[in-house]
PDB file of N, CA and C in Angstrom:
ATOM      1  N   SER A   1      91.766 105.221 100.109  1.00  0.00           N
ATOM      2  CA  SER A   1      90.384 104.177  99.837  1.00  0.00           C
ATOM      3  C   SER A   1      88.984 104.892  99.836  1.00  0.00           C
ATOM      4  N   PHE A   2      88.093 104.605  99.201  1.00  0.00           N
ATOM      5  CA  PHE A   2      87.098 105.329  99.365  1.00  0.00           C
ATOM      6  C   PHE A   2      86.334 105.166 100.636  1.00  0.00           C
ATOM      7  N   ARG A   3      86.574 103.913 101.008  1.00  0.00           N
ATOM      8  CA  ARG A   3      85.895 103.393 102.652  1.00  0.00           C
ATOM      9  C   ARG A   3      86.445 104.633 103.547  1.00  0.00           C
ATOM     10  N   PHE A   4      87.537 104.604 103.403  1.00  0.00           N
ATOM     11  CA  PHE A   4      88.330 105.695 104.675  1.00  0.00           C
ATOM     12  C   PHE A   4      87.722 107.059 104.553  1.00  0.00           C
ATOM     13  N   LYS A   5      87.519 107.576 103.312  1.00  0.00           N
ATOM     14  CA  LYS A   5      87.095 108.748 102.852  1.00  0.00           C
ATOM     15  C   LYS A   5      85.640 108.729 103.546  1.00  0.00           C
ATOM     16  N   GLN A   6      84.741 107.717 103.129  1.00  0.00           N
ATOM     17  CA  GLN A   6      83.304 107.613 103.520  1.00  0.00           C
ATOM     18  C   GLN A   6      83.390 107.452 105.257  1.00  0.00           C
ATOM     19  N   ASN A   7      84.121 106.914 105.749  1.00  0.00           N
ATOM     20  CA  ASN A   7      84.025 106.727 107.445  1.00  0.00           C
ATOM     21  C   ASN A   7      84.623 108.324 108.012  1.00  0.00           C
ATOM     22  N   ALA A   8      85.607 108.705 107.410  1.00  0.00           N
ATOM     23  CA  ALA A   8      86.093 110.251 107.671  1.00  0.00           C
ATOM     24  C   ALA A   8      85.054 111.251 107.701  1.00  0.00           C
ATOM     25  N   ILE A   9      84.204 111.119 106.497  1.00  0.00           N
ATOM     26  CA  ILE A   9      83.106 111.946 106.337  1.00  0.00           C
ATOM     27  C   ILE A   9      81.872 111.741 107.202  1.00  0.00           C
ATOM     28  N   LYS A  10      81.741 110.498 107.591  1.00  0.00           N
ATOM     29  CA  LYS A  10      80.651 110.170 108.352  1.00  0.00           C
ATOM     30  C   LYS A  10      80.826 110.740 109.922  1.00  0.00           C
ATOM     31  N   LYS A  11      82.147 110.961 110.266  1.00  0.00           N
ATOM     32  CA  LYS A  11      82.568 111.174 111.486  1.00  0.00           C
ATOM     33  C   LYS A  11      82.534 112.353 111.686  1.00  0.00           C
ATOM     34  N   TYR A  12      83.121 113.120 110.765  1.00  0.00           N
ATOM     35  CA  TYR A  12      82.795 114.697 110.624  1.00  0.00           C
ATOM     36  C   TYR A  12      81.589 114.981 110.607  1.00  0.00           C
ATOM     37  N   LEU A  13      80.452 114.506 109.826  1.00  0.00           N
ATOM     38  CA  LEU A  13      79.066 114.987 109.995  1.00  0.00           C
ATOM     39  C   LEU A  13      78.377 114.589 111.325  1.00  0.00           C
ATOM     40  N   ARG A  14      79.077 113.662 112.128  1.00  0.00           N
ATOM     41  CA  ARG A  14      78.495 113.369 113.530  1.00  0.00           C
ATOM     42  C   ARG A  14      79.043 114.421 114.480  1.00  0.00           C
ATOM     43  N   THR A  15      80.516 114.466 114.233  1.00  0.00           N
ATOM     44  CA  THR A  15      81.025 115.454 115.282  1.00  0.00           C
ATOM     45  C   THR A  15      81.376 116.986 115.018  1.00  0.00           C
ATOM     46  N   LYS A  16      81.339 117.000 113.856  1.00  0.00           N
ATOM     47  CA  LYS A  16      81.794 118.445 113.096  1.00  0.00           C
ATOM     48  C   LYS A  16      83.030 118.673 113.708  1.00  0.00           C
ATOM     49  N   LYS A  17      84.093 118.035 113.680  1.00  0.00           N
ATOM     50  CA  LYS A  17      85.496 118.125 113.823  1.00  0.00           C
ATOM     51  C   LYS A  17      85.944 117.721 112.709  1.00  0.00           C
ATOM     52  N   LEU A  18      87.206 118.580 112.181  1.00  0.00           N
ATOM     53  CA  LEU A  18      87.950 118.174 111.024  1.00  0.00           C
ATOM     54  C   LEU A  18      88.955 117.043 111.450  1.00  0.00           C
ATOM     55  N   PRO A  19      89.045 116.234 110.656  1.00  0.00           N
ATOM     56  CA  PRO A  19      90.331 115.376 111.074  1.00  0.00           C
ATOM     57  C   PRO A  19      91.589 115.736 110.888  1.00  0.00           C
ATOM     58  N   THR A  20      92.549 115.290 112.137  1.00  0.00           N
ATOM     59  CA  THR A  20      93.724 116.013 112.064  1.00  0.00           C
ATOM     60  C   THR A  20      94.957 115.308 111.398  1.00  0.00           C
ATOM     61  N   ASN A  21      94.669 114.200 110.838  1.00  0.00           N
ATOM     62  CA  ASN A  21      95.529 113.319 110.021  1.00  0.00           C
ATOM     63  C   ASN A  21      95.339 113.688 108.469  1.00  0.00           C
ATOM     64  N   ILE A  22      94.502 114.414 108.172  1.00  0.00           N
ATOM     65  CA  ILE A  22      94.195 114.709 106.816  1.00  0.00           C
ATOM     66  C   ILE A  22      94.327 116.262 106.363  1.00  0.00           C
ATOM     67  N   PRO A  23      95.002 116.748 105.283  1.00  0.00           N
ATOM     68  CA  PRO A  23      94.972 117.969 105.243  1.00  0.00           C
ATOM     69  C   PRO A  23      93.648 118.694 104.970  1.00  0.00           C
ATOM     70  N   ARG A  24      93.427 120.009 105.594  1.00  0.00           N
ATOM     71  CA  ARG A  24      92.068 120.623 105.535  1.00  0.00           C
ATOM     72  C   ARG A  24      91.656 120.637 104.298  1.00  0.00           C
ATOM     73  N   SER A  25      92.307 121.207 103.371  1.00  0.00           N
ATOM     74  CA  SER A  25      91.925 121.346 101.906  1.00  0.00           C
ATOM     75  C   SER A  25      91.523 120.155 101.301  1.00  0.00           C
ATOM     76  N   THR A  26      92.051 118.749 101.514  1.00  0.00           N
ATOM     77  CA  THR A  26      91.806 117.693 100.882  1.00  0.00           C
ATOM     78  C   THR A  26      90.280 117.213 101.659  1.00  0.00           C
ATOM     79  N   PHE A  27      90.523 117.375 102.806  1.00  0.00           N
ATOM     80  CA  PHE A  27      89.325 116.844 103.238  1.00  0.00           C
ATOM     81  C   PHE A  27      88.062 117.602 103.237  1.00  0.00           C
ATOM     82  N   LEU A  28      88.177 118.777 103.119  1.00  0.00           N
ATOM     83  CA  LEU A  28      86.927 119.658 102.286  1.00  0.00           C
ATOM     84  C   LEU A  28      86.457 119.306 101.160  1.00  0.00           C
ATOM     85  N   GLY A  29      87.547 119.093 100.460  1.00  0.00           N
ATOM     86  CA  GLY A  29      87.043 118.635  98.983  1.00  0.00           C
ATOM     87  C   GLY A  29      86.380 117.484  99.013  1.00  0.00           C
ATOM     88  N   TRP A  30      86.733 116.519  99.830  1.00  0.00           N
ATOM     89  CA  TRP A  30      85.839 115.187  99.911  1.00  0.00           C
ATOM     90  C   TRP A  30      84.368 115.467 100.429  1.00  0.00           C
ATOM     91  N   VAL A  31      84.165 116.357 101.348  1.00  0.00           N
ATOM     92  CA  VAL A  31      82.956 116.835 101.839  1.00  0.00           C
ATOM     93  C   VAL A  31      82.053 117.217 100.608  1.00  0.00           C
ATOM     94  N   GLN A  32      82.743 118.039  99.913  1.00  0.00           N
ATOM     95  CA  GLN A  32      82.127 118.783  98.757  1.00  0.00           C
ATOM     96  C   GLN A  32      81.635 117.587  97.782  1.00  0.00           C
ATOM     97  N   ASN A  33      82.631 116.522  97.537  1.00  0.00           N
ATOM     98  CA  ASN A  33      82.237 115.584  96.851  1.00  0.00           C
ATOM     99  C   ASN A  33      81.378 114.314  97.529  1.00  0.00           C
ATOM    100  N   LYS A  34      80.856 114.472  98.575  1.00  0.00           N
ATOM    101  CA  LYS A  34      80.595 113.157  99.253  1.00  0.00           C
ATOM    102  C   LYS A  34      79.520 112.650  98.468  1.00  0.00           C
ATOM    103  N   THR A  35      78.628 113.071  97.654  1.00  0.00           N
ATOM    104  CA  THR A  35      77.568 112.245  97.109  1.00  0.00           C
ATOM    105  C   THR A  35      78.388 111.509  96.228  1.00  0.00           C
ATOM    106  N   ARG A  36      79.081 111.650  95.485  1.00  0.00           N
ATOM    107  CA  ARG A  36      79.992 110.778  94.624  1.00  0.00           C
ATOM    108  C   ARG A  36      80.804 109.671  95.263  1.00  0.00           C
ATOM    109  N   ILE A  37      81.361 110.036  96.355  1.00  0.00           N
ATOM    110  CA  ILE A  37      82.077 109.058  97.187  1.00  0.00           C
ATOM    111  C   ILE A  37      81.088 107.977  97.790  1.00  0.00           C
ATOM    112  N   PHE A  38      80.239 108.635  98.190  1.00  0.00           N
ATOM    113  CA  PHE A  38      79.237 107.433  98.791  1.00  0.00           C
ATOM    114  C   PHE A  38      78.350 106.641  97.720  1.00  0.00           C
ATOM    115  N   ALA A  39      78.799 107.122  96.391  1.00  0.00           N
ATOM    116  CA  ALA A  39      77.843 106.492  95.053  1.00  0.00           C
ATOM    117  C   ALA A  39      78.935 105.421  94.923  1.00  0.00           C
ATOM    118  N   ILE A  40      80.242 105.438  95.400  1.00  0.00           N
ATOM    119  CA  ILE A  40      81.171 104.252  94.758  1.00  0.00           C
ATOM    120  C   ILE A  40      80.779 103.241  95.516  1.00  0.00           C
ATOM    121  N   LYS A  41      80.714 101.923  94.341  1.00  0.00           N
ATOM    122  CA  LYS A  41      80.474 100.691  94.925  1.00  0.00           C
ATOM    123  C   LYS A  41      81.663 100.105  95.718  1.00  0.00           C
ATOM    124  N   ASP A  42      81.553  99.413  96.762  1.00  0.00           N
ATOM    125  CA  ASP A  42      82.414  98.678  97.375  1.00  0.00           C
ATOM    126  C   ASP A  42      82.911  97.679  96.886  1.00  0.00           C
ATOM    127  N   GLU A  43      84.037  97.734  96.190  1.00  0.00           N
ATOM    128  CA  GLU A  43      84.475  96.268  95.198  1.00  0.00           C
ATOM    129  C   GLU A  43      84.769  95.185  96.001  1.00  0.00           C
ATOM    130  N   ASN A  44      85.055  95.603  97.500  1.00  0.00           N
ATOM    131  CA  ASN A  44      85.692  94.423  98.045  1.00  0.00           C
ATOM    132  C   ASN A  44      84.451  93.341  98.847  1.00  0.00           C
ATOM    133  N   LYS A  45      83.086  93.997  98.887  1.00  0.00           N
ATOM    134  CA  LYS A  45      82.148  93.149  99.485  1.00  0.00           C
ATOM    135  C   LYS A  45      81.773  92.112  98.807  1.00  0.00           C
ATOM    136  N   LYS A  46      81.648  91.141  99.715  1.00  0.00           N
ATOM    137  CA  LYS A  46      81.652  89.535  99.282  1.00  0.00           C
ATOM    138  C   LYS A  46      80.587  89.573  98.257  1.00  0.00           C
ATOM    139  N   GLU A  47      79.366  90.112  98.352  1.00  0.00           N
ATOM    140  CA  GLU A  47      78.365  89.885  97.258  1.00  0.00           C
ATOM    141  C   GLU A  47      78.848  90.481  95.961  1.00  0.00           C
ATOM    142  N   ASN A  48      79.702  91.443  95.878  1.00  0.00           N
ATOM    143  CA  ASN A  48      80.104  92.022  94.363  1.00  0.00           C
ATOM    144  C   ASN A  48      81.194  91.155  93.839  1.00  0.00           C
ATOM    145  N   ARG A  49      81.645  90.205  94.656  1.00  0.00           N
ATOM    146  CA  ARG A  49      82.872  89.508  94.039  1.00  0.00           C
ATOM    147  C   ARG A  49      82.179  88.336  92.789  1.00  0.00           C
ATOM    148  N   ARG A  50      83.113  88.044  91.893  1.00  0.00           N
ATOM    149  CA  ARG A  50      82.572  87.030  91.222  1.00  0.00           C
ATOM    150  C   ARG A  50      82.635  85.688  91.984  1.00  0.00           C
ATOM    151  N   GLN A  51      81.517  85.016  91.759  1.00  0.00           N
ATOM    152  CA  GLN A  51      81.441  83.655  92.248  1.00  0.00           C
ATOM    153  C   GLN A  51      81.857  82.656  91.267  1.00  0.00           C
ATOM    154  N   ARG A  52      82.333  81.563  91.964  1.00  0.00           N
ATOM    155  CA  ARG A  52      82.626  80.505  91.100  1.00  0.00           C
ATOM    156  C   ARG A  52      81.622  79.482  90.489  1.00  0.00           C
ATOM    157  N   GLN A  53      81.326  79.591  89.033  1.00  0.00           N
ATOM    158  CA  GLN A  53      79.981  78.847  88.690  1.00  0.00           C
ATOM    159  C   GLN A  53      80.040  77.459  88.607  1.00  0.00           C
ATOM    160  N   SER A  54      81.313  76.883  88.085  1.00  0.00           N
ATOM    161  CA  SER A  54      81.260  75.528  88.116  1.00  0.00           C
ATOM    162  C   SER A  54      81.570  74.844  89.117  1.00  0.00           C
ATOM    163  N   GLY A  55      81.628  73.401  88.981  1.00  0.00           N
ATOM    164  CA  GLY A  55      81.792  72.491  90.249  1.00  0.00           C
ATOM    165  C   GLY A  55      83.625  72.294  90.379  1.00  0.00           C
ATOM    166  N   GLY A  56      83.843  71.534  91.199  1.00  0.00           N
ATOM    167  CA  GLY A  56      85.309  71.146  91.391  1.00  0.00           C
ATOM    168  C   GLY A  56      85.660  70.540  90.193  1.00  0.00           C
ATOM    169  N   GLN A  57      87.122  70.053  90.134  1.00  0.00           N
ATOM    170  CA  GLN A  57      87.411  69.164  89.566  1.00  0.00           C
ATOM    171  C   GLN A  57      87.240  68.034  89.219  1.00  0.00           C
ATOM    172  N   PHE A  58      87.008  67.349  90.802  1.00  0.00           N
ATOM    173  CA  PHE A  58      86.729  65.882  90.963  1.00  0.00           C
ATOM    174  C   PHE A  58      85.470  65.447  91.512  1.00  0.00           C
ATOM    175  N   THR A  59      84.239  66.118  90.781  1.00  0.00           N
ATOM    176  CA  THR A  59      83.024  66.165  91.493  1.00  0.00           C
ATOM    177  C   THR A  59      82.519  64.590  91.576  1.00  0.00           C
ATOM    178  N   GLU A  60      83.030  63.714  90.873  1.00  0.00           N
ATOM    179  CA  GLU A  60      82.310  62.379  91.003  1.00  0.00           C
ATOM    180  C   GLU A  60      83.202  61.661  92.214  1.00  0.00           C
ATOM    181  N   ILE A  61      84.431  61.772  92.306  1.00  0.00           N
ATOM    182  CA  ILE A  61      85.221  61.517  93.426  1.00  0.00           C
ATOM    183  C   ILE A  61      84.360  61.887  94.647  1.00  0.00           C
ATOM    184  N   GLU A  62      84.308  63.450  94.830  1.00  0.00           N
ATOM    185  CA  GLU A  62      83.699  64.030  95.983  1.00  0.00           C
ATOM    186  C   GLU A  62      82.298  63.458  96.286  1.00  0.00           C
ATOM    187  N   LEU A  63      81.644  63.419  95.288  1.00  0.00           N
ATOM    188  CA  LEU A  63      80.312  62.830  95.366  1.00  0.00           C
ATOM    189  C   LEU A  63      80.461  61.635  96.259  1.00  0.00           C
ATOM    190  N   LYS A  64      81.101  60.653  95.652  1.00  0.00           N
ATOM    191  CA  LYS A  64      81.308  59.267  96.308  1.00  0.00           C
ATOM    192  C   LYS A  64      81.687  59.452  97.705  1.00  0.00           C
ATOM    193  N   ILE A  65      82.929  60.447  98.082  1.00  0.00           N
ATOM    194  CA  ILE A  65      83.219  60.327  99.220  1.00  0.00           C
ATOM    195  C   ILE A  65      82.300  60.758 100.205  1.00  0.00           C
ATOM    196  N   TYR A  66      81.598  61.718  99.722  1.00  0.00           N
ATOM    197  CA  TYR A  66      80.522  62.346 100.464  1.00  0.00           C
ATOM    198  C   TYR A  66      79.424  61.379 100.947  1.00  0.00           C
ATOM    199  N   GLN A  67      78.790  60.445  99.803  1.00  0.00           N
ATOM    200  CA  GLN A  67      77.935  59.627 100.216  1.00  0.00           C
ATOM    201  C   GLN A  67      78.431  58.717 101.124  1.00  0.00           C
ATOM    202  N   TRP A  68      79.768  58.052 101.038  1.00  0.00           N
ATOM    203  CA  TRP A  68      80.452  57.189 102.249  1.00  0.00           C
ATOM    204  C   TRP A  68      80.335  57.861 103.401  1.00  0.00           C
ATOM    205  N   PHE A  69      80.792  59.013 103.475  1.00  0.00           N
ATOM    206  CA  PHE A  69      80.567  59.882 104.754  1.00  0.00           C
ATOM    207  C   PHE A  69      79.611  59.942 105.432  1.00  0.00           C
ATOM    208  N   GLU A  70      78.307  60.128 104.605  1.00  0.00           N
ATOM    209  CA  GLU A  70      77.176  60.243 105.158  1.00  0.00           C
ATOM    210  C   GLU A  70      76.600  58.866 105.488  1.00  0.00           C
ATOM    211  N   ASP A  71      76.937  57.707 104.735  1.00  0.00           N
ATOM    212  CA  ASP A  71      76.730  56.238 105.297  1.00  0.00           C
ATOM    213  C   ASP A  71      77.386  56.196 106.684  1.00  0.00           C
ATOM    214  N   GLN A  72      78.441  56.328 106.657  1.00  0.00           N
ATOM    215  CA  GLN A  72      79.184  56.137 108.123  1.00  0.00           C
ATOM    216  C   GLN A  72      78.709  57.135 109.388  1.00  0.00           C
ATOM    217  N   ARG A  73      78.170  58.273 109.131  1.00  0.00           N
ATOM    218  CA  ARG A  73      77.817  58.959 110.069  1.00  0.00           C
ATOM    219  C   ARG A  73      76.373  58.529 110.463  1.00  0.00           C
ATOM    220  N   LYS A  74      75.750  57.790 109.620  1.00  0.00           N
ATOM    221  CA  LYS A  74      74.238  57.500 109.808  1.00  0.00           C
ATOM    222  C   LYS A  74      74.297  55.922 110.736  1.00  0.00           C
ATOM    223  N   SER A  75      75.550  55.427 110.237  1.00  0.00           N
ATOM    224  CA  SER A  75      75.718  54.095 111.201  1.00  0.00           C
ATOM    225  C   SER A  75      76.443  54.507 112.484  1.00  0.00           C
ATOM    226  N   GLY A  76      76.679  55.674 112.897  1.00  0.00           N
ATOM    227  CA  GLY A  76      76.975  56.040 114.080  1.00  0.00           C
ATOM    228  C   GLY A  76      78.472  56.017 114.180  1.00  0.00           C
ATOM    229  N   ASN A  77      79.310  55.897 113.012  1.00  0.00           N
ATOM    230  CA  ASN A  77      80.568  56.059 113.067  1.00  0.00           C
ATOM    231  C   ASN A  77      81.121  57.293 113.040  1.00  0.00           C
ATOM    232  N   ILE A  78      82.487  57.485 113.722  1.00  0.00           N
ATOM    233  CA  ILE A  78      82.890  58.759 113.644  1.00  0.00           C
ATOM    234  C   ILE A  78      84.194  58.676 112.439  1.00  0.00           C
ATOM    235  N   VAL A  79      84.325  59.642 111.522  1.00  0.00           N
ATOM    236  CA  VAL A  79      84.937  59.709 110.672  1.00  0.00           C
ATOM    237  C   VAL A  79      86.118  60.682 110.688  1.00  0.00           C
ATOM    238  N   ASN A  80      87.164  60.480 111.025  1.00  0.00           N
ATOM    239  CA  ASN A  80      88.119  61.277 111.023  1.00  0.00           C
ATOM    240  C   ASN A  80      89.045  61.661 109.876  1.00  0.00           C
ATOM    241  N   GLN A  81      89.753  62.681 109.799  1.00  0.00           N
ATOM    242  CA  GLN A  81      90.531  63.241 108.727  1.00  0.00           C
ATOM    243  C   GLN A  81      91.321  62.030 108.052  1.00  0.00           C
ATOM    244  N   ALA A  82      92.128  61.252 108.736  1.00  0.00           N
ATOM    245  CA  ALA A  82      92.696  60.120 108.294  1.00  0.00           C
ATOM    246  C   ALA A  82      91.884  59.142 107.458  1.00  0.00           C
ATOM    247  N   ALA A  83      90.922  58.732 108.133  1.00  0.00           N
ATOM    248  CA  ALA A  83      89.785  57.976 107.360  1.00  0.00           C
ATOM    249  C   ALA A  83      89.237  58.175 106.030  1.00  0.00           C
ATOM    250  N   LEU A  84      89.061  59.655 106.056  1.00  0.00           N
ATOM    251  CA  LEU A  84      88.424  60.152 104.822  1.00  0.00           C
ATOM    252  C   LEU A  84      89.302  60.332 103.922  1.00  0.00           C
ATOM    253  N   LYS A  85      90.659  60.638 104.257  1.00  0.00           N
ATOM    254  CA  LYS A  85      91.734  60.517 102.933  1.00  0.00           C
ATOM    255  C   LYS A  85      92.100  59.134 102.491  1.00  0.00           C
ATOM    256  N   LEU A  86      92.157  58.217 103.144  1.00  0.00           N
ATOM    257  CA  LEU A  86      92.051  56.946 103.040  1.00  0.00           C
ATOM    258  C   LEU A  86      91.367  56.701 101.908  1.00  0.00           C
ATOM    259  N   HIS A  87      89.786  56.436 102.417  1.00  0.00           N
ATOM    260  CA  HIS A  87      88.525  56.481 101.512  1.00  0.00           C
ATOM    261  C   HIS A  87      88.833  56.952 100.256  1.00  0.00           C
ATOM    262  N   ALA A  88      89.212  58.485 100.414  1.00  0.00           N
ATOM    263  CA  ALA A  88      89.545  59.023  98.907  1.00  0.00           C
ATOM    264  C   ALA A  88      90.367  58.532  97.986  1.00  0.00           C
ATOM    265  N   LYS A  89      91.442  57.897  98.604  1.00  0.00           N
ATOM    266  CA  LYS A  89      92.457  57.218  97.963  1.00  0.00           C
ATOM    267  C   LYS A  89      91.726  55.856  97.207  1.00  0.00           C
ATOM    268  N   ARG A  90      91.104  55.146  97.940  1.00  0.00           N
ATOM    269  CA  ARG A  90      90.461  54.025  97.356  1.00  0.00           C
ATOM    270  C   ARG A  90      89.255  54.427  96.452  1.00  0.00           C
ATOM    271  N   ILE A  91      88.532  55.435  96.523  1.00  0.00           N
ATOM    272  CA  ILE A  91      87.610  55.782  95.563  1.00  0.00           C
ATOM    273  C   ILE A  91      88.278  56.181  94.363  1.00  0.00           C
ATOM    274  N   LYS A  92      89.360  56.850  94.296  1.00  0.00           N
ATOM    275  CA  LYS A  92      90.303  57.314  92.960  1.00  0.00           C
ATOM    276  C   LYS A  92      90.499  56.426  92.331  1.00  0.00           C
ATOM    277  N   GLU A  93      91.405  55.116  93.162  1.00  0.00           N
ATOM    278  CA  GLU A  93      91.905  53.916  92.419  1.00  0.00           C
ATOM    279  C   GLU A  93      90.499  53.429  91.630  1.00  0.00           C
ATOM    280  N   GLU A  94      89.356  53.088  92.452  1.00  0.00           N
ATOM    281  CA  GLU A  94      88.221  52.739  91.619  1.00  0.00           C
ATOM    282  C   GLU A  94      87.708  53.223  90.569  1.00  0.00           C
ATOM    283  N   CYS A  95      87.899  54.517  90.805  1.00  0.00           N
ATOM    284  CA  CYS A  95      87.315  55.347  89.683  1.00  0.00           C
ATOM    285  C   CYS A  95      88.245  55.114  88.271  1.00  0.00           C
ATOM    286  N   LYS A  96      89.507  55.138  88.514  1.00  0.00           N
ATOM    287  CA  LYS A  96      90.454  54.846  87.539  1.00  0.00           C
ATOM    288  C   LYS A  96      90.491  53.150  86.683  1.00  0.00           C
ATOM    289  N   GLN A  97      89.894  52.504  87.835  1.00  0.00           N
ATOM    290  CA  GLN A  97      89.689  50.906  87.139  1.00  0.00           C
ATOM    291  C   GLN A  97      88.558  50.588  86.475  1.00  0.00           C
ATOM    292  N   LEU A  98      87.654  51.568  86.447  1.00  0.00           N
ATOM    293  CA  LEU A  98      86.315  51.204  85.547  1.00  0.00           C
ATOM    294  C   LEU A  98      86.484  50.921  84.101  1.00  0.00           C
ATOM    295  N   GLU A  99      85.824  50.368  83.611  1.00  0.00           N
ATOM    296  CA  GLU A  99      85.751  49.928  82.275  1.00  0.00           C
ATOM    297  C   GLU A  99      85.629  51.137  81.364  1.00  0.00           C
ATOM    298  N   GLY A 100      86.291  51.307  80.144  1.00  0.00           N
ATOM    299  CA  GLY A 100      86.011  52.136  78.996  1.00  0.00           C
ATOM    300  C   GLY A 100      86.143  53.604  79.620  1.00  0.00           C
ATOM    301  N   ILE A 101      87.222  53.604  80.692  1.00  0.00           N
ATOM    302  CA  ILE A 101      87.726  54.935  80.996  1.00  0.00           C
ATOM    303  C   ILE A 101      88.768  55.551  79.900  1.00  0.00           C
ATOM    304  N   SER A 102      88.487  56.849  79.400  1.00  0.00           N
ATOM    305  CA  SER A 102      89.502  57.411  78.704  1.00  0.00           C
ATOM    306  C   SER A 102      90.834  57.905  79.276  1.00  0.00           C
ATOM    307  N   LEU A 103      91.761  57.947  78.309  1.00  0.00           N
ATOM    308  CA  LEU A 103      93.201  58.549  78.608  1.00  0.00           C
ATOM    309  C   LEU A 103      92.985  60.078  79.659  1.00  0.00           C
ATOM    310  N   GLN A 104      92.418  60.680  78.953  1.00  0.00           N
ATOM    311  CA  GLN A 104      92.097  61.951  79.448  1.00  0.00           C
ATOM    312  C   GLN A 104      91.345  61.959  81.230  1.00  0.00           C
ATOM    313  N   GLN A 105      90.474  61.111  81.013  1.00  0.00           N
ATOM    314  CA  GLN A 105      89.755  60.762  82.465  1.00  0.00           C
ATOM    315  C   GLN A 105      90.816  60.039  83.361  1.00  0.00           C
ATOM    316  N   SER A 106      91.539  59.338  82.763  1.00  0.00           N
ATOM    317  CA  SER A 106      92.775  58.486  83.825  1.00  0.00           C
ATOM    318  C   SER A 106      93.776  59.814  84.213  1.00  0.00           C
ATOM    319  N   ASN A 107      93.984  60.507  83.176  1.00  0.00           N
ATOM    320  CA  ASN A 107      95.140  61.395  83.887  1.00  0.00           C
ATOM    321  C   ASN A 107      94.283  62.505  84.750  1.00  0.00           C
ATOM    322  N   LYS A 108      93.265  62.747  84.704  1.00  0.00           N
ATOM    323  CA  LYS A 108      92.483  63.654  85.857  1.00  0.00           C
ATOM    324  C   LYS A 108      92.437  62.978  87.039  1.00  0.00           C
ATOM    325  N   PHE A 109      92.185  61.453  87.010  1.00  0.00           N
ATOM    326  CA  PHE A 109      92.082  61.079  88.170  1.00  0.00           C
ATOM    327  C   PHE A 109      93.400  60.866  88.803  1.00  0.00           C
ATOM    328  N   ASN A 110      94.685  60.538  87.839  1.00  0.00           N
ATOM    329  CA  ASN A 110      95.727  60.829  88.567  1.00  0.00           C
ATOM    330  C   ASN A 110      96.470  62.003  89.181  1.00  0.00           C
ATOM    331  N   SER A 111      95.676  63.175  89.038  1.00  0.00           N
ATOM    332  CA  SER A 111      96.384  64.341  89.477  1.00  0.00           C
ATOM    333  C   SER A 111      95.619  64.805  90.756  1.00  0.00           C
ATOM    334  N   PHE A 112      94.618  63.693  91.300  1.00  0.00           N
ATOM    335  CA  PHE A 112      93.681  63.822  92.248  1.00  0.00           C
ATOM    336  C   PHE A 112      94.728  63.737  93.611  1.00  0.00           C
ATOM    337  N   ARG A 113      94.815  64.500  94.446  1.00  0.00           N
ATOM    338  CA  ARG A 113      95.672  64.274  95.678  1.00  0.00           C
ATOM    339  C   ARG A 113      94.649  64.381  97.119  1.00  0.00           C
ATOM    340  N   ALA A 114      94.624  63.372  97.778  1.00  0.00           N
ATOM    341  CA  ALA A 114      93.542  63.509  98.946  1.00  0.00           C
ATOM    342  C   ALA A 114      94.496  64.184  99.963  1.00  0.00           C
ATOM    343  N   SER A 115      94.732  65.513  99.837  1.00  0.00           N
ATOM    344  CA  SER A 115      95.506  66.288 100.459  1.00  0.00           C
ATOM    345  C   SER A 115      94.638  67.081 101.575  1.00  0.00           C
ATOM    346  N   ASN A 116      95.063  67.932 102.781  1.00  0.00           N
ATOM    347  CA  ASN A 116      94.279  68.333 103.389  1.00  0.00           C
ATOM    348  C   ASN A 116      93.791  69.482 102.920  1.00  0.00           C
ATOM    349  N   GLY A 117      92.187  69.689 102.980  1.00  0.00           N
ATOM    350  CA  GLY A 117      91.385  70.621 102.324  1.00  0.00           C
ATOM    351  C   GLY A 117      91.435  70.505 100.845  1.00  0.00           C
ATOM    352  N   TRP A 118      91.582  69.411 100.346  1.00  0.00           N
ATOM    353  CA  TRP A 118      91.499  69.401  98.893  1.00  0.00           C
ATOM    354  C   TRP A 118      89.920  69.791  98.610  1.00  0.00           C
TER     355      TRP A 118
END
């Protein structure tokens, strides 16, 4: 990888010792092309990754759960994972029972699972 090449070149420039695990001719070619090697953008850096733009699939449910969670914490109640999951299932049912809910929205709510780390 280019990161390996960059690190090997940096070490060589510091110590002036050729690496023993890389053929000499290969490594000297890297040194000659060091400006191009160091110009390569690190594709694995987090800031270069594409970030998710849209919200989650269940934003309405999650917002209501979060509001309930905040209310419980303000009241001094401790909210554990089991209570959070139970309340999430209750909110799902409440959202499904709203008048005027379309079939598409109903199917969306049916696919909500209050699983670990949803």
